[in-house]
């Protein structure tokens, strides 16, 4: 164990060059985009690209090509023309980064990340331990929440993923508040002991990591523990381990999100239906020849009577969109370890 910690301190230390105050950062709030900034290119619903703006580079996407030279100097939020359409340039945030990051593993999405931040009771200055890092979706949200005076220790058993996330932290200006660690917390525990305010677990066997989580939490301040598990059997074993090692107020919640889209719903009066038929069906785009004939008949009847048949100004209604939505992401089990 001592040799493993010594090796980690040597190989996983933060690069001193990452402390450059002029480095690109998610916390920069200039009005215009500068070279070296990370920008989120919004293409359409569900399609975004995260790029580091550099002269001579080109982004190839659905709407053609976008040269980075055209991005530099533009205000954040601008609509800019590519070779085959328009895109929008958005300021990076942890939520937008989660939408566009390279998927190295299954990630935690916004609805779970938001509740995790609340359950951990994170604030600037908090010290948080996370396992596992994965693609770094939640890691970015945790790092931005504890900044500028707190710290995040994020652990993963895969060295290549850890190195990649470490480089992303440097690119996004988060190196000073993060320490990525290659370590199996279920076997060897966390990088710190008696120091953190909260622990988050996303591991296959959380009950094996819970005693190490209790050791990592500050004994004088106490702290919070949150565990994400996709299966209820994992939750049951984790709750037993939490009670065994002194955690109280143990609770499990599940978030089932549903997104909606507001659309206009056109209506037709009974008098219009009796005189001209179903004009709503006649104006749809998927009716085929019969609907085109019906529409022509409506227009002809309207011309003979001197009336212009138009759809009533419709009312707004909300529909589920997209139509296929996930019903389950996982269970969040949270508990408190009281100070000694």
Foldseek 3Di string as FASTA:
>chain_A
DVVQLVVFCVPQDADPVLPPPPAAALPDDDFADAQLHWKWKADDVLDIAIDRQDAPDWDQDDQGIDGSVVRGGHGAQDWDDHPRGIIHIHRDDLQSCLSHFDQQDDDDHDVVLVVVCVLQVFAAAFEEEEPACGRNSSVRVNLVRNPDNAAYEHEYQDPVSLVVVSVVCSSHSRRNRYTYTNDDCLPVAGSAFLDGAEYEYEDPQVLSNVVSRLGRHHQAAWHKYKYWFADVVSVVSNVVSCVVNAWPPKDKDFDFDFDKDKDFDWDDDPVLCVQQNDLVLLPDPPNPPVSVVSNVSSCVVCVVVVHDDDIDRTDIDMDTPPPDGDGGDTMMIMTIHHHD
